[in-house]
Amino acid sequence: MGYVTYEYYTEKYGGRSVSKDDFMRLENNARMYVDKYTFNRLVNAAKNVPEFSVPEQILNAECAIIDILAKSEQMDGKEIASETTSKQSVTYAGVKTFDLKIKDVISMHLGGTPWTYKGSGVGYVTE
């Protein structure tokens, strides 16, 4: 089961770049990024705390990642890094740029929180 719903994505986050048909697939991929950078703390919290609800900061981070994934798909995975209009020279950004965008989203939404803490001693967070 996903963290964020299509209704949250469109109504609260204000997402417009993903159709309902594509949402489930993109949400699944975005959730994998969230789980990776939060060291599966959400998975553990959901298992260990029956009344656990996913915090809004996590939902917003996942929505932003969904937008990044959708844009990447629209561009066939090729993001333009620079473009010259006379005699048309185009330089595409690499995979590293894509990964940095994901990390920036995680840092912006979850930086300084226990969700992304790299040290030990934090099994799951309930707030």
C-alpha atoms as a PDB file:
ATOM      1  CA  MET A   1       0.000   0.000   0.000  1.00  0.00           C
ATOM      2  CA  GLY A   2       1.220   3.468  -0.859  1.00  0.00           C
ATOM      3  CA  TYR A   3       1.861   6.402   1.401  1.00  0.00           C
ATOM      4  CA  VAL A   4       0.197   9.095  -0.687  1.00  0.00           C
ATOM      5  CA  THR A   5      -3.121   8.895  -2.520  1.00  0.00           C
ATOM      6  CA  TYR A   6      -4.023  10.446  -5.847  1.00  0.00           C
ATOM      7  CA  GLU A   7      -6.535  12.642  -4.045  1.00  0.00           C
ATOM      8  CA  TYR A   8      -3.815  13.998  -1.739  1.00  0.00           C
ATOM      9  CA  TYR A   9      -1.516  14.510  -4.727  1.00  0.00           C
ATOM     10  CA  THR A  10      -4.067  16.546  -6.673  1.00  0.00           C
ATOM     11  CA  GLU A  11      -6.047  18.279  -3.932  1.00  0.00           C
ATOM     12  CA  LYS A  12      -3.600  19.023  -1.108  1.00  0.00           C
ATOM     13  CA  TYR A  13      -0.237  18.973  -2.865  1.00  0.00           C
ATOM     14  CA  GLY A  14      -1.607  20.545  -6.031  1.00  0.00           C
ATOM     15  CA  GLY A  15      -0.025  18.053  -8.418  1.00  0.00           C
ATOM     16  CA  ARG A  16      -1.077  18.287 -12.036  1.00  0.00           C
ATOM     17  CA  SER A  17       1.568  16.432 -14.028  1.00  0.00           C
ATOM     18  CA  VAL A  18       0.353  12.853 -13.437  1.00  0.00           C
ATOM     19  CA  SER A  19      -2.836  11.195 -14.603  1.00  0.00           C
ATOM     20  CA  LYS A  20      -4.726   8.849 -12.314  1.00  0.00           C
ATOM     21  CA  ASP A  21      -3.758   5.962 -14.617  1.00  0.00           C
ATOM     22  CA  ASP A  22      -0.023   6.644 -14.200  1.00  0.00           C
ATOM     23  CA  PHE A  23      -0.186   7.569 -10.545  1.00  0.00           C
ATOM     24  CA  MET A  24       0.006   4.087  -8.986  1.00  0.00           C
ATOM     25  CA  ARG A  25       3.154   3.143 -10.889  1.00  0.00           C
ATOM     26  CA  LEU A  26       4.883   6.455 -10.177  1.00  0.00           C
ATOM     27  CA  GLU A  27       3.799   6.414  -6.528  1.00  0.00           C
ATOM     28  CA  ASN A  28       5.314   2.959  -6.123  1.00  0.00           C
ATOM     29  CA  ASN A  29       8.634   4.156  -7.541  1.00  0.00           C
ATOM     30  CA  ALA A  30       8.583   7.356  -5.486  1.00  0.00           C
ATOM     31  CA  ARG A  31       7.833   5.339  -2.342  1.00  0.00           C
ATOM     32  CA  MET A  32      10.932   3.230  -2.978  1.00  0.00           C
ATOM     33  CA  TYR A  33      13.037   6.411  -2.993  1.00  0.00           C
ATOM     34  CA  VAL A  34      11.400   7.611   0.229  1.00  0.00           C
ATOM     35  CA  ASP A  35      12.015   4.238   1.871  1.00  0.00           C
ATOM     36  CA  LYS A  36      15.622   4.245   0.686  1.00  0.00           C
ATOM     37  CA  TYR A  37      16.422   7.676   2.105  1.00  0.00           C
ATOM     38  CA  THR A  38      14.483   7.132   5.335  1.00  0.00           C
ATOM     39  CA  PHE A  39      16.139   3.752   5.910  1.00  0.00           C
ATOM     40  CA  ASN A  40      12.740   1.992   5.870  1.00  0.00           C
ATOM     41  CA  ARG A  41      11.658   3.792   9.032  1.00  0.00           C
ATOM     42  CA  LEU A  42       8.157   4.320   7.646  1.00  0.00           C
ATOM     43  CA  VAL A  43       7.801   0.623   6.934  1.00  0.00           C
ATOM     44  CA  ASN A  44       8.913  -0.174  10.491  1.00  0.00           C
ATOM     45  CA  ALA A  45       6.625   2.451  12.000  1.00  0.00           C
ATOM     46  CA  ALA A  46       3.616   1.130  10.103  1.00  0.00           C
ATOM     47  CA  LYS A  47       4.369  -2.408  11.294  1.00  0.00           C
ATOM     48  CA  ASN A  48       5.023  -1.485  14.926  1.00  0.00           C
ATOM     49  CA  VAL A  49       2.475   1.264  15.584  1.00  0.00           C
ATOM     50  CA  PRO A  50      -1.086   0.286  14.538  1.00  0.00           C
ATOM     51  CA  GLU A  51      -2.413   3.864  14.649  1.00  0.00           C
ATOM     52  CA  PHE A  52       0.559   5.259  12.691  1.00  0.00           C
ATOM     53  CA  SER A  53      -0.274   7.804  10.012  1.00  0.00           C
ATOM     54  CA  VAL A  54       2.245   9.077   7.508  1.00  0.00           C
ATOM     55  CA  PRO A  55       3.341  12.669   8.299  1.00  0.00           C
ATOM     56  CA  GLU A  56       2.539  15.402   5.804  1.00  0.00           C
ATOM     57  CA  GLN A  57       6.229  16.153   5.224  1.00  0.00           C
ATOM     58  CA  ILE A  58       6.681  12.582   3.939  1.00  0.00           C
ATOM     59  CA  LEU A  59       3.591  12.852   1.740  1.00  0.00           C
ATOM     60  CA  ASN A  60       4.820  16.122   0.227  1.00  0.00           C
ATOM     61  CA  ALA A  61       8.294  14.691  -0.390  1.00  0.00           C
ATOM     62  CA  GLU A  62       6.776  11.711  -2.166  1.00  0.00           C
ATOM     63  CA  CYS A  63       4.557  13.980  -4.280  1.00  0.00           C
ATOM     64  CA  ALA A  64       7.576  16.042  -5.340  1.00  0.00           C
ATOM     65  CA  ILE A  65       9.417  12.843  -6.302  1.00  0.00           C
ATOM     66  CA  ILE A  66       6.379  11.704  -8.311  1.00  0.00           C
ATOM     67  CA  ASP A  67       6.604  14.981 -10.264  1.00  0.00           C
ATOM     68  CA  ILE A  68      10.320  14.417 -10.916  1.00  0.00           C
ATOM     69  CA  LEU A  69       9.662  10.870 -12.116  1.00  0.00           C
ATOM     70  CA  ALA A  70       6.822  12.032 -14.374  1.00  0.00           C
ATOM     71  CA  LYS A  71       8.956  14.776 -15.922  1.00  0.00           C
ATOM     72  CA  SER A  72      11.782  12.311 -16.496  1.00  0.00           C
ATOM     73  CA  GLU A  73       9.395   9.947 -18.291  1.00  0.00           C
ATOM     74  CA  GLN A  74       8.029  12.754 -20.450  1.00  0.00           C
ATOM     75  CA  MET A  75      11.571  13.596 -21.519  1.00  0.00           C
ATOM     76  CA  ASP A  76      12.434   9.919 -22.120  1.00  0.00           C
ATOM     77  CA  GLY A  77      14.885  10.173 -19.240  1.00  0.00           C
ATOM     78  CA  LYS A  78      16.796  12.937 -21.053  1.00  0.00           C
ATOM     79  CA  GLU A  79      16.805  16.244 -19.271  1.00  0.00           C
ATOM     80  CA  ILE A  80      18.244  19.209 -21.118  1.00  0.00           C
ATOM     81  CA  ALA A  81      21.171  20.687 -19.201  1.00  0.00           C
ATOM     82  CA  SER A  82      21.908  23.428 -21.750  1.00  0.00           C
ATOM     83  CA  GLU A  83      20.691  24.462 -25.167  1.00  0.00           C
ATOM     84  CA  THR A  84      21.964  26.873 -27.792  1.00  0.00           C
ATOM     85  CA  THR A  85      19.355  28.084 -30.264  1.00  0.00           C
ATOM     86  CA  SER A  86      21.530  29.142 -33.188  1.00  0.00           C
ATOM     87  CA  LYS A  87      22.712  25.989 -34.969  1.00  0.00           C
ATOM     88  CA  GLN A  88      20.920  24.017 -32.223  1.00  0.00           C
ATOM     89  CA  SER A  89      23.358  22.518 -29.762  1.00  0.00           C
ATOM     90  CA  VAL A  90      21.708  20.531 -26.959  1.00  0.00           C
ATOM     91  CA  THR A  91      23.433  19.021 -23.933  1.00  0.00           C
ATOM     92  CA  TYR A  92      21.558  16.503 -21.850  1.00  0.00           C
ATOM     93  CA  ALA A  93      21.966  16.063 -18.113  1.00  0.00           C
ATOM     94  CA  GLY A  94      23.016  12.684 -16.842  1.00  0.00           C
ATOM     95  CA  VAL A  95      21.586  10.274 -14.300  1.00  0.00           C
ATOM     96  CA  LYS A  96      23.575  12.021 -11.592  1.00  0.00           C
ATOM     97  CA  THR A  97      21.479  15.158 -12.038  1.00  0.00           C
ATOM     98  CA  PHE A  98      18.301  13.083 -11.638  1.00  0.00           C
ATOM     99  CA  ASP A  99      19.596  11.500  -8.420  1.00  0.00           C
ATOM    100  CA  LEU A 100      20.616  14.910  -7.085  1.00  0.00           C
ATOM    101  CA  LYS A 101      17.096  16.217  -7.666  1.00  0.00           C
ATOM    102  CA  ILE A 102      15.675  13.337  -5.624  1.00  0.00           C
ATOM    103  CA  LYS A 103      18.209  13.965  -2.846  1.00  0.00           C
ATOM    104  CA  ASP A 104      17.376  17.680  -2.892  1.00  0.00           C
ATOM    105  CA  VAL A 105      13.675  16.903  -2.429  1.00  0.00           C
ATOM    106  CA  ILE A 106      14.429  14.550   0.455  1.00  0.00           C
ATOM    107  CA  SER A 107      16.737  17.112   2.029  1.00  0.00           C
ATOM    108  CA  MET A 108      14.238  19.952   1.608  1.00  0.00           C
ATOM    109  CA  HIS A 109      11.273  18.054   3.055  1.00  0.00           C
ATOM    110  CA  LEU A 110      12.960  15.694   5.530  1.00  0.00           C
ATOM    111  CA  GLY A 111      16.379  17.163   6.291  1.00  0.00           C
ATOM    112  CA  GLY A 112      17.056  17.559   9.995  1.00  0.00           C
ATOM    113  CA  THR A 113      14.296  15.133  10.947  1.00  0.00           C
ATOM    114  CA  PRO A 114      14.664  11.709  12.560  1.00  0.00           C
ATOM    115  CA  TRP A 115      13.394  10.177   9.302  1.00  0.00           C
ATOM    116  CA  THR A 116      16.711  10.763   7.550  1.00  0.00           C
ATOM    117  CA  TYR A 117      19.016  10.474  10.554  1.00  0.00           C
ATOM    118  CA  LYS A 118      21.929   8.201   9.571  1.00  0.00           C
ATOM    119  CA  GLY A 119      22.949   7.250  13.084  1.00  0.00           C
ATOM    120  CA  SER A 120      21.779   4.290  15.087  1.00  0.00           C
ATOM    121  CA  GLY A 121      19.223   4.249  17.856  1.00  0.00           C
ATOM    122  CA  VAL A 122      16.228   5.437  15.886  1.00  0.00           C
ATOM    123  CA  GLY A 123      14.110   2.437  14.908  1.00  0.00           C
ATOM    124  CA  TYR A 124      10.977   4.280  13.934  1.00  0.00           C
ATOM    125  CA  VAL A 125       9.345   7.613  14.540  1.00  0.00           C
ATOM    126  CA  THR A 126       5.769   8.021  15.722  1.00  0.00           C
ATOM    127  CA  GLU A 127       5.309  11.755  15.129  1.00  0.00           C
END
